[in-house]
Structure formats: structure tokens, C-alpha cells
Amino acid sequence: MLAARFQYEFTEAGCDEAGRGCLAGPVFAAAVILPHDFKHPLLNDSKQLAEEVRYQLRDEIKQHALAWAVASCCNREIDEINILNASFLAMHRAINQLSIKPQFLIIDGNRFNKYNDTPHQCIVEGDGKYYSIAAASILAKTYRDDYMKQIAVEHPEYEWHSNKGYPTIKHRNKVLELGHTPYHRLSFKVTNPQTVIDFSEALSA
């Protein structure tokens, strides 16, 4: 059973991101404020759940959350400021959109760029420990998956409808064969056992 809160003195939002390790597409982040007494037997780290369960939970989170928001940083922003900073910026953008101003933030992971003067706590594997972070992981993951399915129509050869931009063997081989699209992250290297391609040279072109 996940914990409801890290602390009970202040209004608390959980934050998480999705898509840091992808070769293509944005990184998405979500921020969620849940009621103090919120519980759900299925809610957990989005990576531990089947796709249909994630979408079921998304609807329930949106229905019961006191406030929620989803935001992103595109692949060009990732190339400009690096994926770690882009993940933090996407979280900041999600927090900005919350209809309730949080007084405390709990962040999945071990690093975070401070958001204004709001205190925060980083929690390694927090999406498997706290409901609000798990809820944020569900929203970030499902909204990013929706986006990747949309752009997969433009470039079906990369199979983003199934790999969501992650570096599967088929995705890497297609990049090595066909090159990058406007959605690929040029700062990410693509390899297979025989070949290495570094798109970072295109950043200065």
C-alpha cells in the first residue's frame, strides 16, 4: 500500500515525468494534488501497470484529484538544455498550471531544480511509494503515449505507436537506416552492435 502523504502540514503535490530515455518526442511531466484520504488498490508506478489499467486510473485520478496538470518540453528544448533540465522544466510547467498552489512538492527521483520558494523532497522510486507521485506518473505516461500515437501517423516506419519513442532494436535500426525526423532528439546517440550514429553534429548545422 502506498502512502497518502510525505507530510501533513502543507498542501502537497506529487510530480513525475515520462519519456526521459526516449530517442524521439517530448518529455512529459505531471503534478497532482490528491485528497488527504485518497486510496486506490491499483494505483502504483505506471511502469508496473498494464496499459488499459493506466488509462482507467487516469480517469479516476482526474475525477478525484483536487488539482492536476500535465506539461511537456519538446525534443528541441531537450537538445538545448539537456534531458535532465528539460524534465525539471516540464515539471515546473505542470506545477504552474495547477489550480491550487502547492505549499510542498514531492518529486520522483534524486534531483530537482527548486521551484520558486516552494520546499520539496526528492524521493527515489517515489512513484511506488506515494499516491500523488504514482498519480503523476500515470498522467505523464498516458498523455505522452497519446502524443506519440498521434505523431506515429506521420512516421509509421519508426513504430512509435508501439515503442512510444523508446530505443527498441527496431527503432534504433530504423534511425540508423533512415535518419532522424523533426521529432528525434539530436543530442541522443543511436547505436546498435555494428553502428553508432551521433546526431549532435546536426545541432550546429
C-alpha atoms as a PDB file:
ATOM      1  CA  MET A   1       0.000   0.000   0.000  1.00  0.00           C
ATOM      2  CA  LEU A   2       1.326   3.413  -0.986  1.00  0.00           C
ATOM      3  CA  ALA A   3       1.477   6.307   1.487  1.00  0.00           C
ATOM      4  CA  ALA A   4      -1.023   9.152   1.223  1.00  0.00           C
ATOM      5  CA  ARG A   5       1.391  11.960   2.064  1.00  0.00           C
ATOM      6  CA  PHE A   6       5.020  12.720   2.848  1.00  0.00           C
ATOM      7  CA  GLN A   7       3.884  15.371   5.341  1.00  0.00           C
ATOM      8  CA  TYR A   8       0.503  16.648   6.522  1.00  0.00           C
ATOM      9  CA  GLU A   9       1.213  20.252   7.459  1.00  0.00           C
ATOM     10  CA  PHE A  10       1.142  21.757   3.950  1.00  0.00           C
ATOM     11  CA  THR A  11      -0.758  21.250   0.686  1.00  0.00           C
ATOM     12  CA  GLU A  12       1.359  18.695  -1.147  1.00  0.00           C
ATOM     13  CA  ALA A  13       1.730  17.953  -4.860  1.00  0.00           C
ATOM     14  CA  GLY A  14       3.414  14.890  -6.294  1.00  0.00           C
ATOM     15  CA  CYS A  15       5.446  15.265  -9.509  1.00  0.00           C
ATOM     16  CA  ASP A  16       6.815  12.809 -12.024  1.00  0.00           C
ATOM     17  CA  GLU A  17       7.876  12.655 -15.663  1.00  0.00           C
ATOM     18  CA  ALA A  18       7.728  10.242 -18.575  1.00  0.00           C
ATOM     19  CA  GLY A  19       9.940   9.819 -21.620  1.00  0.00           C
ATOM     20  CA  ARG A  20      13.409  10.712 -20.376  1.00  0.00           C
ATOM     21  CA  GLY A  21      15.033   7.737 -22.072  1.00  0.00           C
ATOM     22  CA  CYS A  22      13.355   8.105 -25.453  1.00  0.00           C
ATOM     23  CA  LEU A  23      15.062   8.857 -28.757  1.00  0.00           C
ATOM     24  CA  ALA A  24      12.108  10.865 -30.061  1.00  0.00           C
ATOM     25  CA  GLY A  25       9.297  13.047 -28.808  1.00  0.00           C
ATOM     26  CA  PRO A  26       8.869  15.354 -25.836  1.00  0.00           C
ATOM     27  CA  VAL A  27       9.358  14.619 -22.167  1.00  0.00           C
ATOM     28  CA  PHE A  28       6.053  14.935 -20.318  1.00  0.00           C
ATOM     29  CA  ALA A  29       5.534  15.729 -16.645  1.00  0.00           C
ATOM     30  CA  ALA A  30       2.549  15.895 -14.326  1.00  0.00           C
ATOM     31  CA  ALA A  31       1.753  17.387 -10.946  1.00  0.00           C
ATOM     32  CA  VAL A  32      -1.103  16.084  -8.816  1.00  0.00           C
ATOM     33  CA  ILE A  33      -2.694  17.157  -5.538  1.00  0.00           C
ATOM     34  CA  LEU A  34      -4.842  14.408  -4.029  1.00  0.00           C
ATOM     35  CA  PRO A  35      -7.232  14.486  -1.072  1.00  0.00           C
ATOM     36  CA  HIS A  36      -5.669  13.516   2.277  1.00  0.00           C
ATOM     37  CA  ASP A  37      -7.739  10.337   2.442  1.00  0.00           C
ATOM     38  CA  PHE A  38      -7.254   9.206  -1.171  1.00  0.00           C
ATOM     39  CA  LYS A  39      -6.578   5.495  -1.609  1.00  0.00           C
ATOM     40  CA  HIS A  40      -6.741   3.130  -4.554  1.00  0.00           C
ATOM     41  CA  PRO A  41      -5.844  -0.573  -4.601  1.00  0.00           C
ATOM     42  CA  LEU A  42      -4.444  -0.465  -8.164  1.00  0.00           C
ATOM     43  CA  LEU A  43      -2.589   2.842  -8.182  1.00  0.00           C
ATOM     44  CA  ASN A  44       1.147   2.310  -8.471  1.00  0.00           C
ATOM     45  CA  ASP A  45       4.177   3.251 -10.550  1.00  0.00           C
ATOM     46  CA  SER A  46       2.897   3.452 -14.137  1.00  0.00           C
ATOM     47  CA  LYS A  47       5.690   1.145 -15.329  1.00  0.00           C
ATOM     48  CA  GLN A  48       4.212  -1.660 -13.220  1.00  0.00           C
ATOM     49  CA  LEU A  49       0.746  -1.443 -14.777  1.00  0.00           C
ATOM     50  CA  ALA A  50      -0.864  -2.680 -17.970  1.00  0.00           C
ATOM     51  CA  GLU A  51      -1.848  -0.021 -20.490  1.00  0.00           C
ATOM     52  CA  GLU A  52      -5.596  -0.466 -20.004  1.00  0.00           C
ATOM     53  CA  VAL A  53      -5.178  -0.115 -16.232  1.00  0.00           C
ATOM     54  CA  ARG A  54      -3.200   3.111 -16.678  1.00  0.00           C
ATOM     55  CA  TYR A  55      -5.992   4.660 -18.731  1.00  0.00           C
ATOM     56  CA  GLN A  56      -8.630   3.506 -16.248  1.00  0.00           C
ATOM     57  CA  LEU A  57      -6.633   5.083 -13.445  1.00  0.00           C
ATOM     58  CA  ARG A  58      -6.135   8.287 -15.430  1.00  0.00           C
ATOM     59  CA  ASP A  59      -9.872   8.857 -15.487  1.00  0.00           C
ATOM     60  CA  GLU A  60     -10.174   8.187 -11.755  1.00  0.00           C
ATOM     61  CA  ILE A  61      -7.250  10.468 -10.910  1.00  0.00           C
ATOM     62  CA  LYS A  62      -8.727  13.319 -12.931  1.00  0.00           C
ATOM     63  CA  GLN A  63     -12.088  12.770 -11.260  1.00  0.00           C
ATOM     64  CA  HIS A  64     -10.842  12.659  -7.667  1.00  0.00           C
ATOM     65  CA  ALA A  65      -7.749  14.888  -7.628  1.00  0.00           C
ATOM     66  CA  LEU A  66      -8.061  18.297  -6.002  1.00  0.00           C
ATOM     67  CA  ALA A  67      -5.842  19.615  -8.799  1.00  0.00           C
ATOM     68  CA  TRP A  68      -3.827  18.113 -11.635  1.00  0.00           C
ATOM     69  CA  ALA A  69      -1.853  19.321 -14.627  1.00  0.00           C
ATOM     70  CA  VAL A  70       0.287  17.904 -17.440  1.00  0.00           C
ATOM     71  CA  ALA A  71       3.017  19.738 -19.363  1.00  0.00           C
ATOM     72  CA  SER A  72       5.925  18.928 -21.653  1.00  0.00           C
ATOM     73  CA  CYS A  73       9.236  20.009 -23.169  1.00  0.00           C
ATOM     74  CA  CYS A  74       9.732  19.286 -26.848  1.00  0.00           C
ATOM     75  CA  ASN A  75      12.691  17.483 -28.369  1.00  0.00           C
ATOM     76  CA  ARG A  76      14.300  20.787 -29.445  1.00  0.00           C
ATOM     77  CA  GLU A  77      14.203  22.071 -25.872  1.00  0.00           C
ATOM     78  CA  ILE A  78      15.708  18.778 -24.719  1.00  0.00           C
ATOM     79  CA  ASP A  79      18.569  19.290 -27.180  1.00  0.00           C
ATOM     80  CA  GLU A  80      19.100  22.847 -25.959  1.00  0.00           C
ATOM     81  CA  ILE A  81      19.106  22.346 -22.183  1.00  0.00           C
ATOM     82  CA  ASN A  82      19.609  18.537 -21.869  1.00  0.00           C
ATOM     83  CA  ILE A  83      17.089  15.927 -20.840  1.00  0.00           C
ATOM     84  CA  LEU A  84      17.526  16.348 -17.085  1.00  0.00           C
ATOM     85  CA  ASN A  85      16.843  20.073 -17.129  1.00  0.00           C
ATOM     86  CA  ALA A  86      14.026  19.590 -19.621  1.00  0.00           C
ATOM     87  CA  SER A  87      12.413  17.093 -17.237  1.00  0.00           C
ATOM     88  CA  PHE A  88      12.586  19.632 -14.423  1.00  0.00           C
ATOM     89  CA  LEU A  89      11.237  22.390 -16.674  1.00  0.00           C
ATOM     90  CA  ALA A  90       8.298  20.212 -17.707  1.00  0.00           C
ATOM     91  CA  MET A  91       7.555  19.632 -14.006  1.00  0.00           C
ATOM     92  CA  HIS A  92       7.729  23.378 -13.353  1.00  0.00           C
ATOM     93  CA  ARG A  93       5.302  23.987 -16.201  1.00  0.00           C
ATOM     94  CA  ALA A  94       2.892  21.418 -14.790  1.00  0.00           C
ATOM     95  CA  ILE A  95       3.086  22.971 -11.319  1.00  0.00           C
ATOM     96  CA  ASN A  96       2.445  26.403 -12.860  1.00  0.00           C
ATOM     97  CA  GLN A  97      -0.839  25.111 -14.273  1.00  0.00           C
ATOM     98  CA  LEU A  98      -2.230  23.686 -11.018  1.00  0.00           C
ATOM     99  CA  SER A  99      -5.469  25.350  -9.954  1.00  0.00           C
ATOM    100  CA  ILE A 100      -4.336  25.067  -6.316  1.00  0.00           C
ATOM    101  CA  LYS A 101      -0.935  26.428  -5.350  1.00  0.00           C
ATOM    102  CA  PRO A 102       1.045  23.673  -3.618  1.00  0.00           C
ATOM    103  CA  GLN A 103       2.982  24.506  -0.475  1.00  0.00           C
ATOM    104  CA  PHE A 104       5.191  21.419  -0.636  1.00  0.00           C
ATOM    105  CA  LEU A 105       6.380  19.202  -3.516  1.00  0.00           C
ATOM    106  CA  ILE A 106       7.415  15.572  -3.563  1.00  0.00           C
ATOM    107  CA  ILE A 107       9.473  14.659  -6.615  1.00  0.00           C
ATOM    108  CA  ASP A 108      10.192  11.245  -8.061  1.00  0.00           C
ATOM    109  CA  GLY A 109      13.953  10.769  -8.267  1.00  0.00           C
ATOM    110  CA  ASN A 110      17.018  12.118  -6.525  1.00  0.00           C
ATOM    111  CA  ARG A 111      17.401  15.568  -8.144  1.00  0.00           C
ATOM    112  CA  PHE A 112      15.237  18.593  -8.861  1.00  0.00           C
ATOM    113  CA  ASN A 113      15.635  22.269  -9.730  1.00  0.00           C
ATOM    114  CA  LYS A 114      13.907  24.232  -6.987  1.00  0.00           C
ATOM    115  CA  TYR A 115      10.513  25.639  -7.948  1.00  0.00           C
ATOM    116  CA  ASN A 116      10.348  29.273  -6.785  1.00  0.00           C
ATOM    117  CA  ASP A 117      10.399  29.253  -2.977  1.00  0.00           C
ATOM    118  CA  THR A 118       8.355  26.059  -2.593  1.00  0.00           C
ATOM    119  CA  PRO A 119      10.057  23.434  -0.409  1.00  0.00           C
ATOM    120  CA  HIS A 120      10.421  19.988  -1.914  1.00  0.00           C
ATOM    121  CA  GLN A 121      11.594  16.483  -1.159  1.00  0.00           C
ATOM    122  CA  CYS A 122      13.147  14.171  -3.739  1.00  0.00           C
ATOM    123  CA  ILE A 123      12.171  10.529  -3.283  1.00  0.00           C
ATOM    124  CA  VAL A 124      13.931   7.742  -5.164  1.00  0.00           C
ATOM    125  CA  GLU A 125      11.313   5.400  -6.658  1.00  0.00           C
ATOM    126  CA  GLY A 126       8.688   7.712  -5.214  1.00  0.00           C
ATOM    127  CA  ASP A 127       6.145   6.591  -7.821  1.00  0.00           C
ATOM    128  CA  GLY A 128       5.996   3.280  -5.977  1.00  0.00           C
ATOM    129  CA  LYS A 129       5.775   4.897  -2.522  1.00  0.00           C
ATOM    130  CA  TYR A 130       3.334   7.819  -2.636  1.00  0.00           C
ATOM    131  CA  TYR A 131      -0.091   8.056  -4.236  1.00  0.00           C
ATOM    132  CA  SER A 132       0.367  11.558  -5.626  1.00  0.00           C
ATOM    133  CA  ILE A 133       3.652  10.717  -7.357  1.00  0.00           C
ATOM    134  CA  ALA A 134       2.151   7.496  -8.724  1.00  0.00           C
ATOM    135  CA  ALA A 135      -0.820   9.514  -9.996  1.00  0.00           C
ATOM    136  CA  ALA A 136       1.557  11.978 -11.665  1.00  0.00           C
ATOM    137  CA  SER A 137       3.412   9.092 -13.301  1.00  0.00           C
ATOM    138  CA  ILE A 138       0.128   7.763 -14.713  1.00  0.00           C
ATOM    139  CA  LEU A 139      -0.880  11.124 -16.171  1.00  0.00           C
ATOM    140  CA  ALA A 140       2.551  11.877 -17.625  1.00  0.00           C
ATOM    141  CA  LYS A 141       2.842   8.414 -19.164  1.00  0.00           C
ATOM    142  CA  THR A 142      -0.644   8.235 -20.695  1.00  0.00           C
ATOM    143  CA  TYR A 143      -0.629  11.765 -22.086  1.00  0.00           C
ATOM    144  CA  ARG A 144       2.799  11.187 -23.606  1.00  0.00           C
ATOM    145  CA  ASP A 145       1.678   7.876 -25.095  1.00  0.00           C
ATOM    146  CA  ASP A 146      -1.309   9.641 -26.654  1.00  0.00           C
ATOM    147  CA  TYR A 147       1.013  12.218 -28.210  1.00  0.00           C
ATOM    148  CA  MET A 148       3.382   9.595 -29.596  1.00  0.00           C
ATOM    149  CA  LYS A 149       0.486   7.680 -31.154  1.00  0.00           C
ATOM    150  CA  GLN A 150      -0.605  10.887 -32.884  1.00  0.00           C
ATOM    151  CA  ILE A 151       2.772  11.662 -34.425  1.00  0.00           C
ATOM    152  CA  ALA A 152       3.282   7.983 -35.341  1.00  0.00           C
ATOM    153  CA  VAL A 153       0.783   8.591 -38.137  1.00  0.00           C
ATOM    154  CA  GLU A 154       3.312  10.950 -39.761  1.00  0.00           C
ATOM    155  CA  HIS A 155       6.220   8.494 -39.494  1.00  0.00           C
ATOM    156  CA  PRO A 156       4.799   4.960 -39.204  1.00  0.00           C
ATOM    157  CA  GLU A 157       8.123   3.387 -40.153  1.00  0.00           C
ATOM    158  CA  TYR A 158       9.549   4.161 -36.680  1.00  0.00           C
ATOM    159  CA  GLU A 159       6.700   2.283 -34.932  1.00  0.00           C
ATOM    160  CA  TRP A 160       6.110   4.974 -32.296  1.00  0.00           C
ATOM    161  CA  HIS A 161       2.565   3.656 -31.867  1.00  0.00           C
ATOM    162  CA  SER A 162       4.103   0.693 -30.041  1.00  0.00           C
ATOM    163  CA  ASN A 163       7.582   1.765 -28.847  1.00  0.00           C
ATOM    164  CA  LYS A 164       6.497   5.340 -27.916  1.00  0.00           C
ATOM    165  CA  GLY A 165       9.912   6.625 -28.985  1.00  0.00           C
ATOM    166  CA  TYR A 166      11.965   4.382 -26.705  1.00  0.00           C
ATOM    167  CA  PRO A 167      15.162   2.866 -28.146  1.00  0.00           C
ATOM    168  CA  THR A 168      13.921  -0.576 -29.104  1.00  0.00           C
ATOM    169  CA  ILE A 169      16.111  -2.525 -31.503  1.00  0.00           C
ATOM    170  CA  LYS A 170      13.673  -1.897 -34.365  1.00  0.00           C
ATOM    171  CA  HIS A 171      13.526   1.831 -33.613  1.00  0.00           C
ATOM    172  CA  ARG A 172      17.302   2.155 -33.429  1.00  0.00           C
ATOM    173  CA  ASN A 173      17.751   0.235 -36.663  1.00  0.00           C
ATOM    174  CA  LYS A 174      15.209   2.431 -38.453  1.00  0.00           C
ATOM    175  CA  VAL A 175      17.013   5.565 -37.272  1.00  0.00           C
ATOM    176  CA  LEU A 176      20.313   4.150 -38.477  1.00  0.00           C
ATOM    177  CA  GLU A 177      18.720   3.228 -41.804  1.00  0.00           C
ATOM    178  CA  LEU A 178      16.546   6.284 -42.472  1.00  0.00           C
ATOM    179  CA  GLY A 179      17.982   9.043 -40.293  1.00  0.00           C
ATOM    180  CA  HIS A 180      16.205  11.326 -37.861  1.00  0.00           C
ATOM    181  CA  THR A 181      12.823  13.057 -38.110  1.00  0.00           C
ATOM    182  CA  PRO A 182      11.859  16.516 -36.799  1.00  0.00           C
ATOM    183  CA  TYR A 183      10.734  14.726 -33.631  1.00  0.00           C
ATOM    184  CA  HIS A 184      14.025  12.991 -32.837  1.00  0.00           C
ATOM    185  CA  ARG A 185      16.372  14.241 -30.149  1.00  0.00           C
ATOM    186  CA  LEU A 186      19.558  15.181 -31.955  1.00  0.00           C
ATOM    187  CA  SER A 187      21.589  15.207 -28.745  1.00  0.00           C
ATOM    188  CA  PHE A 188      20.983  11.468 -28.249  1.00  0.00           C
ATOM    189  CA  LYS A 189      23.309   8.896 -29.787  1.00  0.00           C
ATOM    190  CA  VAL A 190      21.777   5.909 -31.548  1.00  0.00           C
ATOM    191  CA  THR A 191      23.694   2.632 -31.642  1.00  0.00           C
ATOM    192  CA  ASN A 192      23.463  -0.997 -32.495  1.00  0.00           C
ATOM    193  CA  PRO A 193      26.308  -3.528 -32.107  1.00  0.00           C
ATOM    194  CA  GLN A 194      27.747  -2.624 -35.526  1.00  0.00           C
ATOM    195  CA  THR A 195      26.970   1.070 -35.901  1.00  0.00           C
ATOM    196  CA  VAL A 196      26.968   4.291 -33.920  1.00  0.00           C
ATOM    197  CA  ILE A 197      25.296   7.453 -35.164  1.00  0.00           C
ATOM    198  CA  ASP A 198      25.660  10.754 -33.329  1.00  0.00           C
ATOM    199  CA  PHE A 199      23.016  13.322 -34.270  1.00  0.00           C
ATOM    200  CA  SER A 200      24.618  16.055 -32.151  1.00  0.00           C
ATOM    201  CA  GLU A 201      26.571  17.293 -35.175  1.00  0.00           C
ATOM    202  CA  ALA A 202      23.245  18.307 -36.717  1.00  0.00           C
ATOM    203  CA  LEU A 203      22.639  20.705 -33.848  1.00  0.00           C
ATOM    204  CA  SER A 204      25.288  23.076 -35.194  1.00  0.00           C
ATOM    205  CA  ALA A 205      24.351  22.605 -38.826  1.00  0.00           C
END
